[in-house]
Amino acid sequence: EGYYVIKVPLPGFTKEDVQVSLINGNINITASKLPKNGGEEQKNREQGKIPCSFRGFMDFWERPINVDIPLPADANPESIKSVLKNGLLKIKIDKKPPKKIDVTSDES
């Protein structure tokens, strides 16, 4: 195909929670949820006031996410588009067409 697609599952996140940036040839994805109840729930959990006997999948995503993905050499950084839908972040990056170099028979 003429493009790359990066898919990142982010269940429970909204577009306001997610930021996609291009930094030094890397796609940087950061995501963090604002604490519920003004942070009171997290504070209570840290103080042991809320029993937590089960660590499920969503507990992992409650932590801030910061991921760098290097762009391939033929990726066009000007074409990057991202969409978050139904908990799945899709990033589409077009490929640059190869640059054709003429071959001559003379060294000059």
PDB file of N, CA and C in Angstrom:
ATOM      1  N   GLU A   1       0.829  -1.182   0.000  1.00  0.00           N
ATOM      2  CA  GLU A   1       0.000   0.000   0.000  1.00  0.00           C
ATOM      3  C   GLU A   1       0.878   1.251   0.000  1.00  0.00           C
ATOM      4  N   GLY A   2       0.252   2.385  -0.145  1.00  0.00           N
ATOM      5  CA  GLY A   2       0.975   3.640  -0.178  1.00  0.00           C
ATOM      6  C   GLY A   2       0.964   4.384   1.142  1.00  0.00           C
ATOM      7  N   TYR A   3       0.707   3.661   2.261  1.00  0.00           N
ATOM      8  CA  TYR A   3       0.671   4.329   3.560  1.00  0.00           C
ATOM      9  C   TYR A   3       0.932   3.322   4.674  1.00  0.00           C
ATOM     10  N   TYR A   4       1.237   3.858   5.854  1.00  0.00           N
ATOM     11  CA  TYR A   4       1.376   3.063   7.066  1.00  0.00           C
ATOM     12  C   TYR A   4       0.191   3.371   7.983  1.00  0.00           C
ATOM     13  N   VAL A   5      -0.194   2.390   8.791  1.00  0.00           N
ATOM     14  CA  VAL A   5      -1.233   2.594   9.801  1.00  0.00           C
ATOM     15  C   VAL A   5      -0.712   2.054  11.130  1.00  0.00           C
ATOM     16  N   ILE A   6      -0.780   2.890  12.148  1.00  0.00           N
ATOM     17  CA  ILE A   6      -0.421   2.487  13.506  1.00  0.00           C
ATOM     18  C   ILE A   6      -1.728   2.433  14.294  1.00  0.00           C
ATOM     19  N   LYS A   7      -1.971   1.321  14.970  1.00  0.00           N
ATOM     20  CA  LYS A   7      -3.182   1.176  15.781  1.00  0.00           C
ATOM     21  C   LYS A   7      -2.787   0.989  17.239  1.00  0.00           C
ATOM     22  N   VAL A   8      -3.393   1.816  18.107  1.00  0.00           N
ATOM     23  CA  VAL A   8      -3.097   1.760  19.528  1.00  0.00           C
ATOM     24  C   VAL A   8      -4.420   1.659  20.298  1.00  0.00           C
ATOM     25  N   PRO A   9      -4.644   0.560  21.038  1.00  0.00           N
ATOM     26  CA  PRO A   9      -5.872   0.462  21.811  1.00  0.00           C
ATOM     27  C   PRO A   9      -5.810   1.383  23.032  1.00  0.00           C
ATOM     28  N   LEU A  10      -6.797   2.248  23.176  1.00  0.00           N
ATOM     29  CA  LEU A  10      -6.878   3.170  24.308  1.00  0.00           C
ATOM     30  C   LEU A  10      -8.305   3.161  24.866  1.00  0.00           C
ATOM     31  N   PRO A  11      -8.750   2.016  25.411  1.00  0.00           N
ATOM     32  CA  PRO A  11     -10.124   1.945  25.904  1.00  0.00           C
ATOM     33  C   PRO A  11     -10.348   2.922  27.049  1.00  0.00           C
ATOM     34  N   GLY A  12     -11.466   3.601  26.990  1.00  0.00           N
ATOM     35  CA  GLY A  12     -11.831   4.525  28.053  1.00  0.00           C
ATOM     36  C   GLY A  12     -11.295   5.940  27.892  1.00  0.00           C
ATOM     37  N   PHE A  13     -10.409   6.158  26.931  1.00  0.00           N
ATOM     38  CA  PHE A  13      -9.862   7.490  26.706  1.00  0.00           C
ATOM     39  C   PHE A  13     -10.710   8.252  25.700  1.00  0.00           C
ATOM     40  N   THR A  14     -10.746   9.568  25.860  1.00  0.00           N
ATOM     41  CA  THR A  14     -11.411  10.433  24.890  1.00  0.00           C
ATOM     42  C   THR A  14     -10.341  11.194  24.129  1.00  0.00           C
ATOM     43  N   LYS A  15     -10.743  11.892  23.069  1.00  0.00           N
ATOM     44  CA  LYS A  15      -9.756  12.639  22.287  1.00  0.00           C
ATOM     45  C   LYS A  15      -9.108  13.739  23.120  1.00  0.00           C
ATOM     46  N   GLU A  16      -9.801  14.218  24.149  1.00  0.00           N
ATOM     47  CA  GLU A  16      -9.221  15.234  25.030  1.00  0.00           C
ATOM     48  C   GLU A  16      -8.110  14.661  25.904  1.00  0.00           C
ATOM     49  N   ASP A  17      -8.120  13.340  26.119  1.00  0.00           N
ATOM     50  CA  ASP A  17      -7.112  12.674  26.944  1.00  0.00           C
ATOM     51  C   ASP A  17      -5.850  12.326  26.174  1.00  0.00           C
ATOM     52  N   VAL A  18      -5.906  12.385  24.839  1.00  0.00           N
ATOM     53  CA  VAL A  18      -4.835  11.859  23.987  1.00  0.00           C
ATOM     54  C   VAL A  18      -4.175  12.971  23.195  1.00  0.00           C
ATOM     55  N   GLN A  19      -2.848  12.890  23.079  1.00  0.00           N
ATOM     56  CA  GLN A  19      -2.105  13.837  22.248  1.00  0.00           C
ATOM     57  C   GLN A  19      -1.121  13.056  21.378  1.00  0.00           C
ATOM     58  N   VAL A  20      -1.098  13.381  20.089  1.00  0.00           N
ATOM     59  CA  VAL A  20      -0.166  12.770  19.144  1.00  0.00           C
ATOM     60  C   VAL A  20       0.722  13.881  18.604  1.00  0.00           C
ATOM     61  N   SER A  21       2.049  13.671  18.681  1.00  0.00           N
ATOM     62  CA  SER A  21       3.006  14.689  18.245  1.00  0.00           C
ATOM     63  C   SER A  21       4.092  14.038  17.406  1.00  0.00           C
ATOM     64  N   LEU A  22       4.765  14.856  16.622  1.00  0.00           N
ATOM     65  CA  LEU A  22       5.928  14.426  15.866  1.00  0.00           C
ATOM     66  C   LEU A  22       7.146  15.084  16.505  1.00  0.00           C
ATOM     67  N   ILE A  23       8.045  14.277  17.071  1.00  0.00           N
ATOM     68  CA  ILE A  23       9.216  14.790  17.767  1.00  0.00           C
ATOM     69  C   ILE A  23      10.451  14.048  17.261  1.00  0.00           C
ATOM     70  N   ASN A  24      11.360  14.766  16.614  1.00  0.00           N
ATOM     71  CA  ASN A  24      12.637  14.199  16.147  1.00  0.00           C
ATOM     72  C   ASN A  24      12.463  12.902  15.354  1.00  0.00           C
ATOM     73  N   GLY A  25      11.532  12.885  14.427  1.00  0.00           N
ATOM     74  CA  GLY A  25      11.338  11.705  13.585  1.00  0.00           C
ATOM     75  C   GLY A  25      10.592  10.572  14.263  1.00  0.00           C
ATOM     76  N   ASN A  26      10.023  10.831  15.426  1.00  0.00           N
ATOM     77  CA  ASN A  26       9.228   9.830  16.140  1.00  0.00           C
ATOM     78  C   ASN A  26       7.807  10.340  16.328  1.00  0.00           C
ATOM     79  N   ILE A  27       6.853   9.420  16.253  1.00  0.00           N
ATOM     80  CA  ILE A  27       5.485   9.757  16.637  1.00  0.00           C
ATOM     81  C   ILE A  27       5.419   9.540  18.139  1.00  0.00           C
ATOM     82  N   ASN A  28       5.030  10.572  18.876  1.00  0.00           N
ATOM     83  CA  ASN A  28       4.902  10.484  20.320  1.00  0.00           C
ATOM     84  C   ASN A  28       3.414  10.476  20.658  1.00  0.00           C
ATOM     85  N   ILE A  29       3.002   9.455  21.396  1.00  0.00           N
ATOM     86  CA  ILE A  29       1.611   9.322  21.828  1.00  0.00           C
ATOM     87  C   ILE A  29       1.591   9.436  23.346  1.00  0.00           C
ATOM     88  N   THR A  30       0.857  10.411  23.846  1.00  0.00           N
ATOM     89  CA  THR A  30       0.663  10.543  25.283  1.00  0.00           C
ATOM     90  C   THR A  30      -0.826  10.494  25.561  1.00  0.00           C
ATOM     91  N   ALA A  31      -1.173   9.855  26.661  1.00  0.00           N
ATOM     92  CA  ALA A  31      -2.573   9.769  27.063  1.00  0.00           C
ATOM     93  C   ALA A  31      -2.627   9.699  28.580  1.00  0.00           C
ATOM     94  N   SER A  32      -3.513  10.487  29.144  1.00  0.00           N
ATOM     95  CA  SER A  32      -3.723  10.416  30.586  1.00  0.00           C
ATOM     96  C   SER A  32      -5.158  10.807  30.891  1.00  0.00           C
ATOM     97  N   LYS A  33      -5.734  10.110  31.831  1.00  0.00           N
ATOM     98  CA  LYS A  33      -7.101  10.370  32.260  1.00  0.00           C
ATOM     99  C   LYS A  33      -7.072  11.347  33.413  1.00  0.00           C
ATOM    100  N   LEU A  34      -7.985  12.275  33.401  1.00  0.00           N
ATOM    101  CA  LEU A  34      -8.138  13.148  34.550  1.00  0.00           C
ATOM    102  C   LEU A  34      -8.759  12.324  35.679  1.00  0.00           C
ATOM    103  N   PRO A  35      -8.263  12.489  36.896  1.00  0.00           N
ATOM    104  CA  PRO A  35      -8.824  11.716  38.001  1.00  0.00           C
ATOM    105  C   PRO A  35     -10.304  12.025  38.200  1.00  0.00           C
ATOM    106  N   LYS A  36     -11.064  10.999  38.528  1.00  0.00           N
ATOM    107  CA  LYS A  36     -12.489  11.179  38.816  1.00  0.00           C
ATOM    108  C   LYS A  36     -12.630  11.861  40.175  1.00  0.00           C
ATOM    109  N   ASN A  37     -13.724  12.523  40.367  1.00  0.00           N
ATOM    110  CA  ASN A  37     -14.035  13.168  41.643  1.00  0.00           C
ATOM    111  C   ASN A  37     -12.936  14.127  42.083  1.00  0.00           C
ATOM    112  N   GLY A  38     -12.311  14.821  41.136  1.00  0.00           N
ATOM    113  CA  GLY A  38     -11.279  15.789  41.498  1.00  0.00           C
ATOM    114  C   GLY A  38     -10.068  15.152  42.148  1.00  0.00           C
ATOM    115  N   GLY A  39      -9.804  13.884  41.878  1.00  0.00           N
ATOM    116  CA  GLY A  39      -8.638  13.211  42.444  1.00  0.00           C
ATOM    117  C   GLY A  39      -8.926  12.530  43.767  1.00  0.00           C
ATOM    118  N   GLU A  40     -10.110  12.679  44.298  1.00  0.00           N
ATOM    119  CA  GLU A  40     -10.459  12.107  45.606  1.00  0.00           C
ATOM    120  C   GLU A  40     -10.391  10.579  45.586  1.00  0.00           C
ATOM    121  N   GLU A  41     -10.872   9.981  44.491  1.00  0.00           N
ATOM    122  CA  GLU A  41     -10.865   8.519  44.391  1.00  0.00           C
ATOM    123  C   GLU A  41      -9.439   7.984  44.425  1.00  0.00           C
ATOM    124  N   GLN A  42      -8.525   8.605  43.672  1.00  0.00           N
ATOM    125  CA  GLN A  42      -7.132   8.158  43.653  1.00  0.00           C
ATOM    126  C   GLN A  42      -6.481   8.361  45.023  1.00  0.00           C
ATOM    127  N   LYS A  43      -6.763   9.473  45.666  1.00  0.00           N
ATOM    128  CA  LYS A  43      -6.204   9.756  46.988  1.00  0.00           C
ATOM    129  C   LYS A  43      -6.665   8.701  47.996  1.00  0.00           C
ATOM    130  N   ASN A  44      -7.957   8.352  47.956  1.00  0.00           N
ATOM    131  CA  ASN A  44      -8.481   7.324  48.859  1.00  0.00           C
ATOM    132  C   ASN A  44      -7.839   5.977  48.604  1.00  0.00           C
ATOM    133  N   ARG A  45      -7.638   5.644  47.325  1.00  0.00           N
ATOM    134  CA  ARG A  45      -7.012   4.361  46.989  1.00  0.00           C
ATOM    135  C   ARG A  45      -5.591   4.318  47.535  1.00  0.00           C
ATOM    136  N   GLU A  46      -4.844   5.417  47.368  1.00  0.00           N
ATOM    137  CA  GLU A  46      -3.471   5.469  47.866  1.00  0.00           C
ATOM    138  C   GLU A  46      -3.428   5.358  49.383  1.00  0.00           C
ATOM    139  N   GLN A  47      -4.431   5.872  50.080  1.00  0.00           N
ATOM    140  CA  GLN A  47      -4.477   5.801  51.536  1.00  0.00           C
ATOM    141  C   GLN A  47      -5.067   4.477  52.028  1.00  0.00           C
ATOM    142  N   GLY A  48      -5.436   3.611  51.106  1.00  0.00           N
ATOM    143  CA  GLY A  48      -5.955   2.304  51.470  1.00  0.00           C
ATOM    144  C   GLY A  48      -7.408   2.310  51.883  1.00  0.00           C
ATOM    145  N   LYS A  49      -8.128   3.365  51.614  1.00  0.00           N
ATOM    146  CA  LYS A  49      -9.526   3.457  52.022  1.00  0.00           C
ATOM    147  C   LYS A  49     -10.462   2.697  51.088  1.00  0.00           C
ATOM    148  N   ILE A  50     -10.016   2.413  49.879  1.00  0.00           N
ATOM    149  CA  ILE A  50     -10.830   1.640  48.939  1.00  0.00           C
ATOM    150  C   ILE A  50     -10.142   0.302  48.730  1.00  0.00           C
ATOM    151  N   PRO A  51     -10.763  -0.796  49.173  1.00  0.00           N
ATOM    152  CA  PRO A  51     -10.113  -2.091  48.971  1.00  0.00           C
ATOM    153  C   PRO A  51      -9.970  -2.379  47.481  1.00  0.00           C
ATOM    154  N   CYS A  52      -8.822  -2.877  47.121  1.00  0.00           N
ATOM    155  CA  CYS A  52      -8.558  -3.157  45.703  1.00  0.00           C
ATOM    156  C   CYS A  52      -7.920  -4.530  45.614  1.00  0.00           C
ATOM    157  N   SER A  53      -8.752  -5.572  45.551  1.00  0.00           N
ATOM    158  CA  SER A  53      -8.228  -6.934  45.536  1.00  0.00           C
ATOM    159  C   SER A  53      -8.026  -7.452  44.115  1.00  0.00           C
ATOM    160  N   PHE A  54      -8.547  -6.748  43.127  1.00  0.00           N
ATOM    161  CA  PHE A  54      -8.432  -7.197  41.737  1.00  0.00           C
ATOM    162  C   PHE A  54      -7.796  -6.097  40.906  1.00  0.00           C
ATOM    163  N   ARG A  55      -6.716  -6.443  40.218  1.00  0.00           N
ATOM    164  CA  ARG A  55      -6.058  -5.501  39.313  1.00  0.00           C
ATOM    165  C   ARG A  55      -6.440  -5.901  37.901  1.00  0.00           C
ATOM    166  N   GLY A  56      -7.358  -5.180  37.319  1.00  0.00           N
ATOM    167  CA  GLY A  56      -7.859  -5.525  35.993  1.00  0.00           C
ATOM    168  C   GLY A  56      -7.154  -4.760  34.892  1.00  0.00           C
ATOM    169  N   PHE A  57      -7.597  -5.000  33.689  1.00  0.00           N
ATOM    170  CA  PHE A  57      -7.025  -4.379  32.489  1.00  0.00           C
ATOM    171  C   PHE A  57      -7.093  -2.858  32.540  1.00  0.00           C
ATOM    172  N   MET A  58      -8.222  -2.323  32.996  1.00  0.00           N
ATOM    173  CA  MET A  58      -8.397  -0.869  32.986  1.00  0.00           C
ATOM    174  C   MET A  58      -7.476  -0.167  33.971  1.00  0.00           C
ATOM    175  N   ASP A  59      -7.029  -0.841  35.048  1.00  0.00           N
ATOM    176  CA  ASP A  59      -6.105  -0.214  35.982  1.00  0.00           C
ATOM    177  C   ASP A  59      -4.806   0.170  35.284  1.00  0.00           C
ATOM    178  N   PHE A  60      -4.368  -0.646  34.347  1.00  0.00           N
ATOM    179  CA  PHE A  60      -3.160  -0.324  33.592  1.00  0.00           C
ATOM    180  C   PHE A  60      -3.319   0.987  32.835  1.00  0.00           C
ATOM    181  N   TRP A  61      -4.472   1.182  32.226  1.00  0.00           N
ATOM    182  CA  TRP A  61      -4.695   2.367  31.408  1.00  0.00           C
ATOM    183  C   TRP A  61      -4.957   3.621  32.238  1.00  0.00           C
ATOM    184  N   GLU A  62      -5.165   3.466  33.549  1.00  0.00           N
ATOM    185  CA  GLU A  62      -5.347   4.641  34.388  1.00  0.00           C
ATOM    186  C   GLU A  62      -4.043   5.408  34.556  1.00  0.00           C
ATOM    187  N   ARG A  63      -2.917   4.746  34.313  1.00  0.00           N
ATOM    188  CA  ARG A  63      -1.622   5.406  34.409  1.00  0.00           C
ATOM    189  C   ARG A  63      -1.370   6.192  33.126  1.00  0.00           C
ATOM    190  N   PRO A  64      -0.594   7.287  33.221  1.00  0.00           N
ATOM    191  CA  PRO A  64      -0.271   8.039  32.003  1.00  0.00           C
ATOM    192  C   PRO A  64       0.517   7.173  31.018  1.00  0.00           C
ATOM    193  N   ILE A  65       0.247   7.370  29.742  1.00  0.00           N
ATOM    194  CA  ILE A  65       0.925   6.639  28.672  1.00  0.00           C
ATOM    195  C   ILE A  65       1.804   7.624  27.920  1.00  0.00           C
ATOM    196  N   ASN A  66       3.027   7.215  27.613  1.00  0.00           N
ATOM    197  CA  ASN A  66       3.941   8.035  26.818  1.00  0.00           C
ATOM    198  C   ASN A  66       4.779   7.077  25.975  1.00  0.00           C
ATOM    199  N   VAL A  67       4.492   7.029  24.671  1.00  0.00           N
ATOM    200  CA  VAL A  67       5.124   6.069  23.771  1.00  0.00           C
ATOM    201  C   VAL A  67       5.712   6.800  22.567  1.00  0.00           C
ATOM    202  N   ASP A  68       6.929   6.432  22.193  1.00  0.00           N
ATOM    203  CA  ASP A  68       7.555   6.945  20.969  1.00  0.00           C
ATOM    204  C   ASP A  68       7.640   5.823  19.947  1.00  0.00           C
ATOM    205  N   ILE A  69       7.215   6.112  18.712  1.00  0.00           N
ATOM    206  CA  ILE A  69       7.285   5.148  17.614  1.00  0.00           C
ATOM    207  C   ILE A  69       8.092   5.789  16.496  1.00  0.00           C
ATOM    208  N   PRO A  70       9.242   5.211  16.139  1.00  0.00           N
ATOM    209  CA  PRO A  70      10.052   5.811  15.065  1.00  0.00           C
ATOM    210  C   PRO A  70       9.362   5.705  13.714  1.00  0.00           C
ATOM    211  N   LEU A  71       9.468   6.780  12.938  1.00  0.00           N
ATOM    212  CA  LEU A  71       8.903   6.776  11.587  1.00  0.00           C
ATOM    213  C   LEU A  71       9.846   6.045  10.636  1.00  0.00           C
ATOM    214  N   PRO A  72       9.302   5.256   9.719  1.00  0.00           N
ATOM    215  CA  PRO A  72      10.141   4.651   8.685  1.00  0.00           C
ATOM    216  C   PRO A  72      10.745   5.739   7.781  1.00  0.00           C
ATOM    217  N   ALA A  73      11.841   5.430   7.133  1.00  0.00           N
ATOM    218  CA  ALA A  73      12.549   6.410   6.302  1.00  0.00           C
ATOM    219  C   ALA A  73      11.688   6.958   5.173  1.00  0.00           C
ATOM    220  N   ASP A  74      10.773   6.144   4.643  1.00  0.00           N
ATOM    221  CA  ASP A  74       9.963   6.602   3.512  1.00  0.00           C
ATOM    222  C   ASP A  74       8.616   7.201   3.938  1.00  0.00           C
ATOM    223  N   ALA A  75       8.434   7.467   5.235  1.00  0.00           N
ATOM    224  CA  ALA A  75       7.184   8.060   5.711  1.00  0.00           C
ATOM    225  C   ALA A  75       7.168   9.560   5.437  1.00  0.00           C
ATOM    226  N   ASN A  76       6.007  10.081   5.067  1.00  0.00           N
ATOM    227  CA  ASN A  76       5.832  11.512   4.817  1.00  0.00           C
ATOM    228  C   ASN A  76       5.267  12.160   6.083  1.00  0.00           C
ATOM    229  N   PRO A  77       6.111  12.857   6.868  1.00  0.00           N
ATOM    230  CA  PRO A  77       5.627  13.428   8.124  1.00  0.00           C
ATOM    231  C   PRO A  77       4.555  14.495   7.955  1.00  0.00           C
ATOM    232  N   GLU A  78       4.456  15.083   6.772  1.00  0.00           N
ATOM    233  CA  GLU A  78       3.435  16.110   6.516  1.00  0.00           C
ATOM    234  C   GLU A  78       2.035  15.519   6.369  1.00  0.00           C
ATOM    235  N   SER A  79       1.939  14.204   6.220  1.00  0.00           N
ATOM    236  CA  SER A  79       0.644  13.577   5.938  1.00  0.00           C
ATOM    237  C   SER A  79       0.023  12.877   7.146  1.00  0.00           C
ATOM    238  N   ILE A  80       0.597  13.014   8.325  1.00  0.00           N
ATOM    239  CA  ILE A  80       0.132  12.270   9.496  1.00  0.00           C
ATOM    240  C   ILE A  80      -1.267  12.731   9.915  1.00  0.00           C
ATOM    241  N   LYS A  81      -2.166  11.754  10.072  1.00  0.00           N
ATOM    242  CA  LYS A  81      -3.530  12.015  10.542  1.00  0.00           C
ATOM    243  C   LYS A  81      -3.860  10.981  11.605  1.00  0.00           C
ATOM    244  N   SER A  82      -4.571  11.410  12.652  1.00  0.00           N
ATOM    245  CA  SER A  82      -4.948  10.461  13.692  1.00  0.00           C
ATOM    246  C   SER A  82      -6.439  10.581  14.007  1.00  0.00           C
ATOM    247  N   VAL A  83      -7.041   9.433  14.341  1.00  0.00           N
ATOM    248  CA  VAL A  83      -8.461   9.362  14.678  1.00  0.00           C
ATOM    249  C   VAL A  83      -8.597   8.430  15.874  1.00  0.00           C
ATOM    250  N   LEU A  84      -9.354   8.863  16.883  1.00  0.00           N
ATOM    251  CA  LEU A  84      -9.676   8.017  18.025  1.00  0.00           C
ATOM    252  C   LEU A  84     -11.160   7.691  17.956  1.00  0.00           C
ATOM    253  N   LYS A  85     -11.478   6.402  17.798  1.00  0.00           N
ATOM    254  CA  LYS A  85     -12.876   5.988  17.670  1.00  0.00           C
ATOM    255  C   LYS A  85     -13.056   4.661  18.390  1.00  0.00           C
ATOM    256  N   ASN A  86     -14.049   4.606  19.266  1.00  0.00           N
ATOM    257  CA  ASN A  86     -14.372   3.381  19.998  1.00  0.00           C
ATOM    258  C   ASN A  86     -13.161   2.797  20.724  1.00  0.00           C
ATOM    259  N   GLY A  87     -12.341   3.659  21.319  1.00  0.00           N
ATOM    260  CA  GLY A  87     -11.197   3.197  22.099  1.00  0.00           C
ATOM    261  C   GLY A  87      -9.997   2.752  21.285  1.00  0.00           C
ATOM    262  N   LEU A  88      -9.989   3.008  19.984  1.00  0.00           N
ATOM    263  CA  LEU A  88      -8.861   2.625  19.137  1.00  0.00           C
ATOM    264  C   LEU A  88      -8.312   3.861  18.443  1.00  0.00           C
ATOM    265  N   LEU A  89      -7.045   4.164  18.699  1.00  0.00           N
ATOM    266  CA  LEU A  89      -6.360   5.273  18.035  1.00  0.00           C
ATOM    267  C   LEU A  89      -5.719   4.738  16.765  1.00  0.00           C
ATOM    268  N   LYS A  90      -6.074   5.335  15.624  1.00  0.00           N
ATOM    269  CA  LYS A  90      -5.474   4.965  14.339  1.00  0.00           C
ATOM    270  C   LYS A  90      -4.708   6.166  13.815  1.00  0.00           C
ATOM    271  N   ILE A  91      -3.449   5.931  13.470  1.00  0.00           N
ATOM    272  CA  ILE A  91      -2.596   6.976  12.905  1.00  0.00           C
ATOM    273  C   ILE A  91      -2.211   6.530  11.504  1.00  0.00           C
ATOM    274  N   LYS A  92      -2.535   7.359  10.518  1.00  0.00           N
ATOM    275  CA  LYS A  92      -2.237   7.038   9.121  1.00  0.00           C
ATOM    276  C   LYS A  92      -1.129   7.966   8.632  1.00  0.00           C
ATOM    277  N   ILE A  93      -0.121   7.369   7.988  1.00  0.00           N
ATOM    278  CA  ILE A  93       1.024   8.120   7.473  1.00  0.00           C
ATOM    279  C   ILE A  93       1.272   7.678   6.033  1.00  0.00           C
ATOM    280  N   ASP A  94       1.169   8.621   5.109  1.00  0.00           N
ATOM    281  CA  ASP A  94       1.435   8.296   3.713  1.00  0.00           C
ATOM    282  C   ASP A  94       2.926   8.033   3.516  1.00  0.00           C
ATOM    283  N   LYS A  95       3.219   7.207   2.513  1.00  0.00           N
ATOM    284  CA  LYS A  95       4.613   6.964   2.133  1.00  0.00           C
ATOM    285  C   LYS A  95       5.034   7.988   1.094  1.00  0.00           C
ATOM    286  N   LYS A  96       6.301   8.397   1.139  1.00  0.00           N
ATOM    287  CA  LYS A  96       6.850   9.267   0.104  1.00  0.00           C
ATOM    288  C   LYS A  96       7.171   8.401  -1.113  1.00  0.00           C
ATOM    289  N   PRO A  97       6.882   8.918  -2.305  1.00  0.00           N
ATOM    290  CA  PRO A  97       7.264   8.135  -3.480  1.00  0.00           C
ATOM    291  C   PRO A  97       8.784   8.097  -3.590  1.00  0.00           C
ATOM    292  N   PRO A  98       9.339   6.999  -4.095  1.00  0.00           N
ATOM    293  CA  PRO A  98      10.796   6.938  -4.226  1.00  0.00           C
ATOM    294  C   PRO A  98      11.293   7.985  -5.230  1.00  0.00           C
ATOM    295  N   LYS A  99      12.433   8.556  -4.926  1.00  0.00           N
ATOM    296  CA  LYS A  99      13.025   9.545  -5.826  1.00  0.00           C
ATOM    297  C   LYS A  99      13.865   8.808  -6.868  1.00  0.00           C
ATOM    298  N   LYS A 100      13.480   9.002  -8.106  1.00  0.00           N
ATOM    299  CA  LYS A 100      14.195   8.349  -9.205  1.00  0.00           C
ATOM    300  C   LYS A 100      15.466   9.140  -9.519  1.00  0.00           C
ATOM    301  N   ILE A 101      16.554   8.434  -9.636  1.00  0.00           N
ATOM    302  CA  ILE A 101      17.841   9.050  -9.943  1.00  0.00           C
ATOM    303  C   ILE A 101      18.287   8.562 -11.323  1.00  0.00           C
ATOM    304  N   ASP A 102      18.532   9.508 -12.213  1.00  0.00           N
ATOM    305  CA  ASP A 102      18.967   9.151 -13.569  1.00  0.00           C
ATOM    306  C   ASP A 102      20.359   8.550 -13.541  1.00  0.00           C
ATOM    307  N   VAL A 103      20.536   7.567 -14.383  1.00  0.00           N
ATOM    308  CA  VAL A 103      21.839   6.926 -14.540  1.00  0.00           C
ATOM    309  C   VAL A 103      22.432   7.373 -15.846  1.00  0.00           C
ATOM    310  N   THR A 104      23.669   7.879 -15.807  1.00  0.00           N
ATOM    311  CA  THR A 104      24.356   8.298 -17.010  1.00  0.00           C
ATOM    312  C   THR A 104      25.548   7.411 -17.270  1.00  0.00           C
ATOM    313  N   SER A 105      26.093   7.471 -18.465  1.00  0.00           N
ATOM    314  CA  SER A 105      27.252   6.672 -18.809  1.00  0.00           C
ATOM    315  C   SER A 105      28.536   7.481 -18.724  1.00  0.00           C
ATOM    316  N   ASP A 106      28.409   8.762 -18.442  1.00  0.00           N
ATOM    317  CA  ASP A 106      29.570   9.650 -18.355  1.00  0.00           C
ATOM    318  C   ASP A 106      29.776  10.061 -16.906  1.00  0.00           C
ATOM    319  N   GLU A 107      31.033  10.043 -16.424  1.00  0.00           N
ATOM    320  CA  GLU A 107      31.320  10.387 -15.033  1.00  0.00           C
ATOM    321  C   GLU A 107      31.337  11.875 -14.753  1.00  0.00           C
ATOM    322  N   SER A 108      31.295  12.725 -15.757  1.00  0.00           N
ATOM    323  CA  SER A 108      31.410  14.156 -15.527  1.00  0.00           C
ATOM    324  C   SER A 108      30.156  14.816 -15.156  1.00  0.00           C
TER     325      SER A 108
END
